């Protein structure tokens, strides 16, 4: 049983996992089991080039960010379980007892974060009732999002990144992943607003 399982290895999912992992020294997060399903083949980062993201050298590619992000997560927060080469096919259950079914296994988690891109088709069963046209994408692109209120689809089920209804900009997607992570940390911390900063 995971305490939280993030679905998606793009920018929002990786950022969410990094922030969650960074809270390991906090008493309320020390015993939490965190996982991320790293299914990146359909990530829009694959073909991206970043010249307009603060802190990234000109010419930084999305492919390099994905590779380096996995390494950063595994080296800095090795307690975060990375599940590779599996694709989520269905999510069912309720807060505290979700079942996440992939093409190879079934996992259980108390909280789930959906961090996929906004392209069609959306192929995870169990979320059909939440799919709607994307509110911040050009209509001709036919993008979708999962209906949510402040990143919460329903109790225990969060969404971040473009599939949450945000525009496709790296900084925005990363920010929504961090926001959801801090919302979950706040939940773990008995509702006390929580963020994690590393200091020199």
Protein backbone atom coordinates (compact mmCIF):
# COMPACT_ATOMS: atom_id res chain seq x y z
CA UNK A 1 0.00 0.00 0.00
CA UNK A 2 1.43 3.35 -1.09
CA UNK A 3 0.56 6.51 0.79
CA UNK A 4 0.70 8.33 -2.55
CA UNK A 5 1.25 7.11 -6.09
CA UNK A 6 1.98 9.63 -8.85
CA UNK A 7 1.03 8.58 -12.37
CA UNK A 8 3.20 10.14 -15.06
CA UNK A 9 6.89 10.86 -15.48
CA UNK A 10 6.66 14.22 -17.21
CA UNK A 11 7.51 17.57 -15.64
CA UNK A 12 4.50 17.86 -13.30
CA UNK A 13 4.70 14.28 -12.08
CA UNK A 14 8.46 14.37 -11.51
CA UNK A 15 8.23 17.73 -9.74
CA UNK A 16 5.45 16.40 -7.51
CA UNK A 17 7.52 13.33 -6.62
CA UNK A 18 10.62 15.43 -5.88
CA UNK A 19 8.78 17.69 -3.46
CA UNK A 20 7.08 14.75 -1.76
CA UNK A 21 10.40 12.94 -1.48
CA UNK A 22 12.10 16.00 -0.02
CA UNK A 23 9.84 15.90 3.05
CA UNK A 24 11.35 12.66 4.34
CA UNK A 25 12.97 14.39 7.33
CA UNK A 26 9.61 15.71 8.54
CA UNK A 27 8.02 13.59 11.25
CA UNK A 28 4.66 13.51 9.46
CA UNK A 29 6.25 12.18 6.23
CA UNK A 30 9.02 9.95 7.57
CA UNK A 31 7.06 6.72 7.27
CA UNK A 32 5.18 7.52 4.06
CA UNK A 33 5.57 5.22 1.06
CA UNK A 34 5.77 7.31 -2.11
CA UNK A 35 5.80 5.98 -5.65
CA UNK A 36 5.72 7.24 -9.22
CA UNK A 37 4.80 5.37 -12.39
CA UNK A 38 7.38 6.63 -14.87
CA UNK A 39 5.57 6.22 -18.15
CA UNK A 40 7.25 8.92 -20.26
CA UNK A 41 6.93 7.73 -23.84
CA UNK A 42 3.99 10.03 -24.54
CA UNK A 43 5.38 13.00 -22.63
CA UNK A 44 5.47 16.25 -24.57
CA UNK A 45 8.97 16.72 -23.14
CA UNK A 46 10.31 14.19 -25.65
CA UNK A 47 10.61 16.79 -28.41
CA UNK A 48 10.82 19.97 -26.34
CA UNK A 49 13.58 22.58 -26.45
CA UNK A 50 13.83 25.09 -23.59
CA UNK A 51 15.33 28.53 -24.05
CA UNK A 52 12.84 30.40 -21.87
CA UNK A 53 12.92 28.55 -18.52
CA UNK A 54 14.70 30.23 -15.62
CA UNK A 55 17.82 28.32 -14.61
CA UNK A 56 18.05 26.18 -17.74
CA UNK A 57 20.95 26.89 -20.12
CA UNK A 58 19.95 27.80 -23.66
CA UNK A 59 19.43 24.64 -25.70
CA UNK A 60 18.28 22.40 -22.84
CA UNK A 61 16.16 19.59 -24.25
CA UNK A 62 13.12 17.93 -22.75
CA UNK A 63 14.65 14.50 -23.32
CA UNK A 64 17.67 15.43 -21.17
CA UNK A 65 15.41 16.80 -18.44
CA UNK A 66 13.46 13.52 -18.29
CA UNK A 67 16.64 11.46 -18.02
CA UNK A 68 18.30 13.78 -15.50
CA UNK A 69 15.06 14.08 -13.52
CA UNK A 70 14.90 10.34 -12.94
CA UNK A 71 18.52 10.32 -11.85
CA UNK A 72 17.96 13.29 -9.55
CA UNK A 73 14.98 11.57 -7.95
CA UNK A 74 16.76 8.24 -7.48
CA UNK A 75 20.00 9.75 -6.14
CA UNK A 76 18.49 12.44 -3.91
CA UNK A 77 15.37 10.64 -2.69
CA UNK A 78 15.95 6.91 -3.22
CA UNK A 79 13.04 6.05 -0.92
CA UNK A 80 10.66 7.19 -3.69
CA UNK A 81 9.78 4.04 -5.64
CA UNK A 82 10.09 4.48 -9.41
CA UNK A 83 7.94 2.05 -11.38
CA UNK A 84 9.21 1.83 -14.95
CA UNK A 85 7.95 0.16 -18.14
CA UNK A 86 4.34 -0.02 -16.95
CA UNK A 87 1.32 1.85 -18.23
CA UNK A 88 -1.67 2.60 -16.02
CA UNK A 89 -4.87 1.23 -17.54
CA UNK A 90 -7.44 1.75 -14.77
CA UNK A 91 -7.96 3.55 -11.47
CA UNK A 92 -10.75 2.50 -9.14
CA UNK A 93 -11.67 2.75 -5.49
CA UNK A 94 -11.89 5.60 -3.03
CA UNK A 95 -9.60 7.71 -0.86
CA UNK A 96 -7.56 5.48 1.38
CA UNK A 97 -8.07 2.48 -0.88
CA UNK A 98 -7.41 3.13 -4.56
CA UNK A 99 -6.44 0.35 -6.93
CA UNK A 100 -4.15 1.33 -9.78
CA UNK A 101 -4.09 -1.33 -12.49
CA UNK A 102 -1.24 -1.32 -15.00
CA UNK A 103 -0.50 -3.57 -17.96
CA UNK A 104 1.63 -5.70 -15.60
CA UNK A 105 0.54 -5.23 -11.96
CA UNK A 106 -2.04 -3.88 -9.54
CA UNK A 107 -1.01 -1.37 -6.88
CA UNK A 108 -2.87 0.07 -3.92
CA UNK A 109 -2.55 3.64 -2.71
CA UNK A 110 -4.27 5.90 -0.22
CA UNK A 111 -3.81 8.94 -2.49
CA UNK A 112 -3.33 9.12 -6.28
CA UNK A 113 -1.97 11.97 -8.42
CA UNK A 114 -2.70 11.92 -12.16
CA UNK A 115 0.10 13.82 -13.93
CA UNK A 116 -0.30 13.03 -17.62
CA UNK A 117 -0.45 15.26 -20.66
CA UNK A 118 -3.65 16.63 -22.13
CA UNK A 119 -3.58 14.84 -25.48
CA UNK A 120 -6.24 12.43 -26.71
CA UNK A 121 -6.94 9.64 -26.33
CA UNK A 122 -7.07 9.53 -22.55
CA UNK A 123 -6.84 5.81 -21.96
CA UNK A 124 -7.18 5.29 -18.19
CA UNK A 125 -10.47 3.63 -17.33
CA UNK A 126 -12.39 4.77 -14.27
CA UNK A 127 -12.05 8.51 -14.87
CA UNK A 128 -14.43 8.97 -17.81
CA UNK A 129 -16.92 11.05 -15.83
CA UNK A 130 -14.25 13.70 -15.19
CA UNK A 131 -13.03 14.17 -18.78
CA UNK A 132 -13.96 17.48 -20.45
CA UNK A 133 -12.62 19.78 -23.20
CA UNK A 134 -9.50 21.63 -22.08
CA UNK A 135 -10.34 25.21 -21.01
CA UNK A 136 -6.94 26.76 -21.86
CA UNK A 137 -5.99 25.09 -25.14
CA UNK A 138 -6.92 26.02 -28.70
CA UNK A 139 -10.18 24.25 -29.59
CA UNK A 140 -8.71 22.95 -32.85
CA UNK A 141 -6.11 20.96 -30.87
CA UNK A 142 -8.90 18.98 -29.19
CA UNK A 143 -7.16 18.68 -25.81
CA UNK A 144 -8.82 17.32 -22.67
CA UNK A 145 -8.59 17.83 -18.93
CA UNK A 146 -9.89 16.16 -15.79
CA UNK A 147 -12.46 18.31 -14.03
CA UNK A 148 -11.13 19.40 -10.65
CA UNK A 149 -11.35 22.02 -7.97
CA UNK A 150 -7.93 23.36 -7.02
CA UNK A 151 -6.31 20.15 -8.36
CA UNK A 152 -8.66 17.84 -6.47
CA UNK A 153 -10.84 15.59 -8.66
CA UNK A 154 -12.40 13.90 -5.66
CA UNK A 155 -11.27 13.02 -2.16
CA UNK A 156 -7.81 11.48 -2.39
CA UNK A 157 -7.52 11.86 -6.17
CA UNK A 158 -5.44 14.79 -7.44
CA UNK A 159 -4.45 16.01 -10.88
CA UNK A 160 -1.58 18.27 -11.96
CA UNK A 161 0.01 19.59 -15.14
CA UNK A 162 -1.78 20.19 -18.42
CA UNK A 163 -4.38 17.49 -17.68
CA UNK A 164 -5.45 19.65 -14.71
CA UNK A 165 -6.51 22.38 -17.14
CA UNK A 166 -3.33 24.46 -17.22
CA UNK A 167 -1.43 25.75 -20.23
CA UNK A 168 1.46 23.81 -21.69
CA UNK A 169 4.43 25.77 -20.29
CA UNK A 170 7.21 24.04 -18.41
CA UNK A 171 7.16 26.42 -15.44
CA UNK A 172 3.38 26.15 -15.10
CA UNK A 173 3.39 22.35 -15.23
CA UNK A 174 6.22 22.13 -12.69
CA UNK A 175 4.42 24.59 -10.44
CA UNK A 176 1.20 22.58 -10.41
CA UNK A 177 3.15 19.44 -9.50
CA UNK A 178 4.76 21.27 -6.59
CA UNK A 179 1.38 22.69 -5.53
CA UNK A 180 -0.22 19.26 -5.40
CA UNK A 181 2.74 17.87 -3.47
CA UNK A 182 2.44 20.60 -0.84
CA UNK A 183 -1.31 20.01 -0.64
CA UNK A 184 -0.62 16.34 0.13
CA UNK A 185 2.07 17.27 2.67
CA UNK A 186 -0.45 19.62 4.29
CA UNK A 187 -2.92 16.74 4.44
CA UNK A 188 -0.31 14.53 6.12
CA UNK A 189 0.52 17.37 8.52
CA UNK A 190 -3.01 17.45 9.96
CA UNK A 191 -4.06 20.37 7.77
CA UNK A 192 -1.21 22.66 8.78
CA UNK A 193 0.00 24.45 5.65
CA UNK A 194 3.28 22.88 4.66
CA UNK A 195 6.13 23.47 2.21
CA UNK A 196 9.68 22.15 2.06
CA UNK A 197 12.74 24.32 1.51
CA UNK A 198 16.31 23.09 1.42
CA UNK A 199 18.88 25.52 2.81
CA UNK A 200 22.62 25.93 2.32
